[in-house]
Amino acid sequence: FFSIAALIYKQSNHLNCDRISIVVSERISAVVLMIIYVFLAGSFHPTPVVTLVAFAGGTTIFISRVALLASLKYGKISSSWTAVSLSVVIPTMASAIFWKEIPSGKQITGLILVPVAIFLLQEEPGEK
C-alpha cells in the first residue's frame, strides 16, 4: 500500500498538485471506507484504549504522509519512511503488549524489516 501511495504522491508532485489536499483526501477516503465497513460488519464498539491506540496510529500516519510529500519534493524519503514504519509498529506492538495478542508471521516479518528499511533508506555520508 505504501508503494502505491508513494507513486501517487510522486505523480502529484510532478503535476504540481496541492500536496496537503491529497493527504486530506486520502484521510477522508479512509474514514468513508471505515464507515462503510462498520455498517457492513454490523456492530463496532471500540474500547477507550483501542480508540487511543487508533488515534495515535492515525496521527502518526498522517504526519508520515505530510513528511513523505515534503521529502519527495525536497530529497530522500528516509525520514518519512521512518514515520510510516512507526505507524505500523505502534499498533502492532500495542496489541501485543496490552492485549497479549500474538503477532502473525507476516507481522513479525514486518516488524523485523522495519529497522532494516530505516537503515537502508538513510542518507549516504556527504549527501544533503
N, C-alpha and C. Protein backbone atom coordinates (compact mmCIF):
# COMPACT_ATOMS: atom_id res chain seq x y z
N PHE A 1 0.82 -1.20 0.00
CA PHE A 1 0.00 0.00 0.00
C PHE A 1 0.86 1.26 0.00
N PHE A 2 1.93 1.25 0.79
CA PHE A 2 2.77 2.43 0.89
C PHE A 2 3.46 2.73 -0.45
N SER A 3 3.80 1.69 -1.19
CA SER A 3 4.43 1.90 -2.50
C SER A 3 3.48 2.59 -3.46
N ILE A 4 2.21 2.17 -3.44
CA ILE A 4 1.20 2.80 -4.30
C ILE A 4 1.01 4.26 -3.89
N ALA A 5 0.93 4.50 -2.59
CA ALA A 5 0.77 5.87 -2.10
C ALA A 5 1.97 6.73 -2.52
N ALA A 6 3.18 6.17 -2.43
CA ALA A 6 4.37 6.93 -2.82
C ALA A 6 4.34 7.27 -4.30
N LEU A 7 3.87 6.34 -5.13
CA LEU A 7 3.76 6.61 -6.57
C LEU A 7 2.74 7.71 -6.85
N ILE A 8 1.61 7.66 -6.15
CA ILE A 8 0.59 8.70 -6.32
C ILE A 8 1.15 10.05 -5.89
N TYR A 9 1.85 10.09 -4.76
CA TYR A 9 2.42 11.34 -4.28
C TYR A 9 3.47 11.87 -5.25
N LYS A 10 4.31 10.97 -5.78
CA LYS A 10 5.35 11.39 -6.71
C LYS A 10 4.72 11.98 -7.97
N GLN A 11 3.66 11.33 -8.49
CA GLN A 11 2.98 11.84 -9.68
C GLN A 11 2.33 13.19 -9.39
N SER A 12 1.70 13.32 -8.22
CA SER A 12 1.07 14.60 -7.88
C SER A 12 2.11 15.70 -7.73
N ASN A 13 3.28 15.35 -7.23
CA ASN A 13 4.36 16.33 -7.13
C ASN A 13 4.81 16.75 -8.53
N HIS A 14 4.89 15.80 -9.44
CA HIS A 14 5.28 16.09 -10.82
C HIS A 14 4.26 17.01 -11.49
N LEU A 15 2.98 16.83 -11.16
CA LEU A 15 1.91 17.64 -11.76
C LEU A 15 1.67 18.95 -11.00
N ASN A 16 2.48 19.21 -9.96
CA ASN A 16 2.35 20.41 -9.12
C ASN A 16 0.98 20.52 -8.46
N CYS A 17 0.46 19.39 -7.97
CA CYS A 17 -0.82 19.39 -7.25
C CYS A 17 -0.61 19.88 -5.82
N ASP A 18 -1.70 20.29 -5.19
CA ASP A 18 -1.66 20.71 -3.79
C ASP A 18 -1.49 19.46 -2.93
N ARG A 19 -0.33 19.30 -2.33
CA ARG A 19 0.00 18.08 -1.61
C ARG A 19 -0.85 17.86 -0.37
N ILE A 20 -1.11 18.90 0.37
CA ILE A 20 -1.92 18.75 1.58
C ILE A 20 -3.33 18.29 1.22
N SER A 21 -3.86 18.78 0.13
CA SER A 21 -5.19 18.34 -0.32
C SER A 21 -5.20 16.84 -0.62
N ILE A 22 -4.11 16.34 -1.13
CA ILE A 22 -4.02 14.91 -1.42
C ILE A 22 -4.04 14.11 -0.12
N VAL A 23 -3.30 14.56 0.88
CA VAL A 23 -3.29 13.87 2.16
C VAL A 23 -4.68 13.91 2.80
N VAL A 24 -5.32 15.07 2.78
CA VAL A 24 -6.66 15.20 3.37
C VAL A 24 -7.64 14.31 2.62
N SER A 25 -7.55 14.27 1.30
CA SER A 25 -8.43 13.40 0.50
C SER A 25 -8.21 11.94 0.86
N GLU A 26 -6.97 11.57 1.07
CA GLU A 26 -6.66 10.20 1.46
C GLU A 26 -7.29 9.87 2.82
N ARG A 27 -7.16 10.78 3.77
CA ARG A 27 -7.74 10.55 5.10
C ARG A 27 -9.27 10.48 5.03
N ILE A 28 -9.89 11.37 4.26
CA ILE A 28 -11.35 11.34 4.12
C ILE A 28 -11.78 10.03 3.50
N SER A 29 -11.06 9.56 2.49
CA SER A 29 -11.38 8.28 1.87
C SER A 29 -11.28 7.14 2.87
N ALA A 30 -10.27 7.17 3.72
CA ALA A 30 -10.11 6.13 4.73
C ALA A 30 -11.28 6.14 5.71
N VAL A 31 -11.72 7.33 6.12
CA VAL A 31 -12.85 7.43 7.05
C VAL A 31 -14.13 6.91 6.40
N VAL A 32 -14.36 7.28 5.14
CA VAL A 32 -15.56 6.81 4.44
C VAL A 32 -15.54 5.29 4.31
N LEU A 33 -14.39 4.72 3.94
CA LEU A 33 -14.29 3.27 3.84
C LEU A 33 -14.50 2.59 5.20
N MET A 34 -14.01 3.21 6.27
CA MET A 34 -14.21 2.65 7.60
C MET A 34 -15.68 2.68 7.99
N ILE A 35 -16.37 3.76 7.68
CA ILE A 35 -17.80 3.85 7.99
C ILE A 35 -18.57 2.78 7.22
N ILE A 36 -18.24 2.59 5.95
CA ILE A 36 -18.89 1.55 5.16
C ILE A 36 -18.62 0.18 5.77
N TYR A 37 -17.39 -0.06 6.19
CA TYR A 37 -17.04 -1.33 6.82
C TYR A 37 -17.84 -1.56 8.09
N VAL A 38 -17.97 -0.53 8.92
CA VAL A 38 -18.71 -0.66 10.17
C VAL A 38 -20.16 -1.03 9.89
N PHE A 39 -20.77 -0.38 8.90
CA PHE A 39 -22.15 -0.71 8.56
C PHE A 39 -22.28 -2.13 8.02
N LEU A 40 -21.33 -2.57 7.23
CA LEU A 40 -21.39 -3.92 6.67
C LEU A 40 -21.08 -4.98 7.73
N ALA A 41 -20.21 -4.66 8.68
CA ALA A 41 -19.83 -5.63 9.71
C ALA A 41 -20.90 -5.77 10.78
N GLY A 42 -21.80 -4.84 10.88
CA GLY A 42 -22.86 -4.93 11.88
C GLY A 42 -22.64 -4.00 13.04
N SER A 43 -21.81 -4.42 13.99
CA SER A 43 -21.60 -3.58 15.16
C SER A 43 -20.10 -3.31 15.34
N PHE A 44 -19.84 -2.20 15.98
CA PHE A 44 -18.46 -1.80 16.21
C PHE A 44 -18.43 -1.01 17.50
N HIS A 45 -17.86 -1.57 18.55
CA HIS A 45 -17.84 -0.93 19.86
C HIS A 45 -16.41 -0.93 20.41
N PRO A 46 -15.57 0.01 19.97
CA PRO A 46 -14.19 0.02 20.46
C PRO A 46 -14.12 0.51 21.90
N THR A 47 -13.16 -0.04 22.63
CA THR A 47 -12.91 0.41 23.99
C THR A 47 -12.11 1.71 23.93
N PRO A 48 -12.04 2.44 25.04
CA PRO A 48 -11.23 3.68 25.05
C PRO A 48 -9.76 3.44 24.71
N VAL A 49 -9.20 2.31 25.15
CA VAL A 49 -7.80 2.03 24.85
C VAL A 49 -7.62 1.80 23.35
N VAL A 50 -8.55 1.07 22.73
CA VAL A 50 -8.49 0.85 21.28
C VAL A 50 -8.59 2.18 20.55
N THR A 51 -9.48 3.04 21.01
CA THR A 51 -9.63 4.35 20.39
C THR A 51 -8.35 5.17 20.51
N LEU A 52 -7.71 5.12 21.67
CA LEU A 52 -6.46 5.85 21.89
C LEU A 52 -5.34 5.32 20.98
N VAL A 53 -5.21 4.00 20.89
CA VAL A 53 -4.18 3.41 20.03
C VAL A 53 -4.46 3.76 18.56
N ALA A 54 -5.72 3.71 18.15
CA ALA A 54 -6.08 4.06 16.78
C ALA A 54 -5.78 5.53 16.49
N PHE A 55 -6.07 6.38 17.46
CA PHE A 55 -5.77 7.81 17.29
C PHE A 55 -4.26 8.04 17.15
N ALA A 56 -3.48 7.37 18.00
CA ALA A 56 -2.02 7.51 17.92
C ALA A 56 -1.50 7.01 16.57
N GLY A 57 -1.99 5.87 16.13
CA GLY A 57 -1.57 5.34 14.83
C GLY A 57 -1.99 6.23 13.68
N GLY A 58 -3.22 6.73 13.73
CA GLY A 58 -3.72 7.62 12.68
C GLY A 58 -2.95 8.93 12.62
N THR A 59 -2.64 9.47 13.79
CA THR A 59 -1.87 10.71 13.84
C THR A 59 -0.47 10.50 13.27
N THR A 60 0.14 9.39 13.65
CA THR A 60 1.48 9.08 13.15
C THR A 60 1.49 8.92 11.64
N ILE A 61 0.49 8.22 11.10
CA ILE A 61 0.47 8.02 9.65
C ILE A 61 0.15 9.32 8.91
N PHE A 62 -0.67 10.19 9.50
CA PHE A 62 -0.93 11.48 8.87
C PHE A 62 0.36 12.30 8.80
N ILE A 63 1.09 12.34 9.90
CA ILE A 63 2.36 13.07 9.92
C ILE A 63 3.33 12.46 8.90
N SER A 64 3.32 11.13 8.81
CA SER A 64 4.22 10.48 7.86
C SER A 64 3.87 10.83 6.43
N ARG A 65 2.58 10.97 6.14
CA ARG A 65 2.17 11.34 4.78
C ARG A 65 2.64 12.76 4.44
N VAL A 66 2.49 13.66 5.37
CA VAL A 66 2.96 15.03 5.14
C VAL A 66 4.48 15.03 4.96
N ALA A 67 5.18 14.26 5.80
CA ALA A 67 6.64 14.17 5.68
C ALA A 67 7.04 13.51 4.36
N LEU A 68 6.27 12.51 3.93
CA LEU A 68 6.55 11.85 2.65
C LEU A 68 6.44 12.84 1.50
N LEU A 69 5.39 13.64 1.51
CA LEU A 69 5.21 14.63 0.45
C LEU A 69 6.36 15.64 0.44
N ALA A 70 6.75 16.08 1.63
CA ALA A 70 7.86 17.04 1.70
C ALA A 70 9.16 16.41 1.24
N SER A 71 9.40 15.16 1.65
CA SER A 71 10.66 14.52 1.27
C SER A 71 10.69 14.19 -0.22
N LEU A 72 9.54 13.86 -0.80
CA LEU A 72 9.52 13.63 -2.25
C LEU A 72 9.82 14.91 -3.01
N LYS A 73 9.43 16.03 -2.42
CA LYS A 73 9.68 17.31 -3.09
C LYS A 73 11.13 17.76 -2.90
N TYR A 74 11.67 17.55 -1.71
CA TYR A 74 12.97 18.14 -1.38
C TYR A 74 14.13 17.14 -1.31
N GLY A 75 13.87 15.84 -1.39
CA GLY A 75 15.01 14.92 -1.30
C GLY A 75 14.60 13.50 -1.05
N LYS A 76 15.42 12.80 -0.25
CA LYS A 76 15.21 11.38 0.02
C LYS A 76 14.01 11.17 0.94
N ILE A 77 13.56 9.91 0.99
CA ILE A 77 12.36 9.62 1.78
C ILE A 77 12.67 8.91 3.10
N SER A 78 13.91 8.95 3.56
CA SER A 78 14.26 8.21 4.77
C SER A 78 13.49 8.66 6.00
N SER A 79 13.32 9.96 6.18
CA SER A 79 12.61 10.44 7.38
C SER A 79 11.14 10.07 7.33
N SER A 80 10.53 10.18 6.17
CA SER A 80 9.11 9.83 6.08
C SER A 80 8.91 8.33 6.18
N TRP A 81 9.83 7.55 5.65
CA TRP A 81 9.68 6.10 5.76
C TRP A 81 9.77 5.67 7.22
N THR A 82 10.58 6.36 8.01
CA THR A 82 10.64 6.07 9.44
C THR A 82 9.28 6.27 10.08
N ALA A 83 8.62 7.38 9.77
CA ALA A 83 7.30 7.65 10.34
C ALA A 83 6.27 6.65 9.84
N VAL A 84 6.33 6.29 8.55
CA VAL A 84 5.40 5.29 8.01
C VAL A 84 5.60 3.96 8.73
N SER A 85 6.84 3.58 8.93
CA SER A 85 7.13 2.33 9.61
C SER A 85 6.61 2.35 11.04
N LEU A 86 6.79 3.47 11.72
CA LEU A 86 6.31 3.57 13.09
C LEU A 86 4.79 3.53 13.17
N SER A 87 4.11 4.00 12.14
CA SER A 87 2.65 3.95 12.16
C SER A 87 2.14 2.52 12.08
N VAL A 88 2.96 1.61 11.61
CA VAL A 88 2.61 0.19 11.59
C VAL A 88 3.08 -0.49 12.87
N VAL A 89 4.26 -0.11 13.34
CA VAL A 89 4.85 -0.75 14.51
C VAL A 89 4.05 -0.44 15.78
N ILE A 90 3.64 0.80 15.97
CA ILE A 90 2.97 1.20 17.21
C ILE A 90 1.71 0.37 17.48
N PRO A 91 0.75 0.27 16.54
CA PRO A 91 -0.44 -0.53 16.83
C PRO A 91 -0.15 -2.02 17.02
N THR A 92 0.79 -2.56 16.25
CA THR A 92 1.13 -3.98 16.37
C THR A 92 1.75 -4.26 17.74
N MET A 93 2.68 -3.42 18.15
CA MET A 93 3.31 -3.61 19.46
C MET A 93 2.32 -3.37 20.60
N ALA A 94 1.45 -2.38 20.45
CA ALA A 94 0.45 -2.10 21.48
C ALA A 94 -0.48 -3.29 21.67
N SER A 95 -0.91 -3.90 20.57
CA SER A 95 -1.81 -5.05 20.70
C SER A 95 -1.10 -6.23 21.36
N ALA A 96 0.19 -6.39 21.10
CA ALA A 96 0.95 -7.47 21.73
C ALA A 96 1.15 -7.20 23.22
N ILE A 97 1.39 -5.94 23.57
CA ILE A 97 1.66 -5.59 24.98
C ILE A 97 0.38 -5.53 25.80
N PHE A 98 -0.63 -4.78 25.33
CA PHE A 98 -1.83 -4.55 26.12
C PHE A 98 -2.81 -5.72 26.11
N TRP A 99 -2.95 -6.39 24.97
CA TRP A 99 -3.98 -7.43 24.85
C TRP A 99 -3.38 -8.81 24.70
N LYS A 100 -2.07 -8.92 24.85
CA LYS A 100 -1.36 -10.20 24.79
C LYS A 100 -1.63 -10.94 23.48
N GLU A 101 -1.87 -10.18 22.41
CA GLU A 101 -2.08 -10.81 21.10
C GLU A 101 -0.73 -11.25 20.55
N ILE A 102 -0.75 -12.37 19.88
CA ILE A 102 0.48 -12.87 19.27
C ILE A 102 0.48 -12.43 17.81
N PRO A 103 1.49 -11.65 17.41
CA PRO A 103 1.55 -11.19 16.02
C PRO A 103 1.66 -12.37 15.05
N SER A 104 1.07 -12.21 13.87
CA SER A 104 1.16 -13.25 12.85
C SER A 104 2.57 -13.28 12.28
N GLY A 105 2.84 -14.29 11.49
CA GLY A 105 4.15 -14.40 10.86
C GLY A 105 4.47 -13.20 9.99
N LYS A 106 3.47 -12.72 9.25
CA LYS A 106 3.68 -11.55 8.40
C LYS A 106 3.97 -10.31 9.24
N GLN A 107 3.27 -10.16 10.37
CA GLN A 107 3.51 -9.00 11.23
C GLN A 107 4.91 -9.06 11.84
N ILE A 108 5.32 -10.24 12.26
CA ILE A 108 6.66 -10.40 12.84
C ILE A 108 7.72 -10.07 11.78
N THR A 109 7.50 -10.58 10.57
CA THR A 109 8.43 -10.27 9.47
C THR A 109 8.49 -8.77 9.23
N GLY A 110 7.32 -8.12 9.21
CA GLY A 110 7.28 -6.68 9.02
C GLY A 110 8.00 -5.92 10.12
N LEU A 111 7.80 -6.35 11.37
CA LEU A 111 8.48 -5.69 12.49
C LEU A 111 10.00 -5.85 12.40
N ILE A 112 10.43 -7.01 11.92
CA ILE A 112 11.87 -7.23 11.77
C ILE A 112 12.44 -6.38 10.63
N LEU A 113 11.64 -6.22 9.57
CA LEU A 113 12.13 -5.48 8.39
C LEU A 113 12.10 -3.96 8.57
N VAL A 114 11.35 -3.46 9.55
CA VAL A 114 11.28 -2.00 9.76
C VAL A 114 12.67 -1.41 10.01
N PRO A 115 13.45 -1.93 10.98
CA PRO A 115 14.78 -1.34 11.18
C PRO A 115 15.68 -1.49 9.95
N VAL A 116 15.51 -2.62 9.23
CA VAL A 116 16.30 -2.82 8.01
C VAL A 116 15.97 -1.74 6.99
N ALA A 117 14.66 -1.47 6.79
CA ALA A 117 14.24 -0.44 5.83
C ALA A 117 14.74 0.94 6.25
N ILE A 118 14.64 1.25 7.54
CA ILE A 118 15.12 2.55 8.02
C ILE A 118 16.62 2.68 7.77
N PHE A 119 17.36 1.60 8.04
CA PHE A 119 18.81 1.63 7.80
C PHE A 119 19.13 1.81 6.32
N LEU A 120 18.43 1.08 5.45
CA LEU A 120 18.71 1.15 4.02
C LEU A 120 18.34 2.50 3.40
N LEU A 121 17.38 3.20 4.00
CA LEU A 121 16.93 4.46 3.43
C LEU A 121 17.63 5.68 4.03
N GLN A 122 18.61 5.45 4.88
CA GLN A 122 19.35 6.58 5.45
C GLN A 122 20.19 7.24 4.38
N GLU A 123 20.42 8.52 4.55
CA GLU A 123 21.24 9.27 3.60
C GLU A 123 22.67 8.78 3.66
N GLU A 124 23.28 8.75 2.51
CA GLU A 124 24.69 8.37 2.42
C GLU A 124 25.55 9.51 2.98
N PRO A 125 26.72 9.19 3.52
CA PRO A 125 27.60 10.25 4.01
C PRO A 125 27.93 11.24 2.89
N GLY A 126 27.86 12.51 3.21
CA GLY A 126 28.15 13.55 2.24
C GLY A 126 26.96 14.01 1.43
N GLU A 127 25.80 13.30 1.51
CA GLU A 127 24.60 13.72 0.78
C GLU A 127 23.83 14.73 1.59
N LYS A 128 23.08 15.56 0.89
CA LYS A 128 22.22 16.52 1.57
C LYS A 128 20.86 16.44 0.99
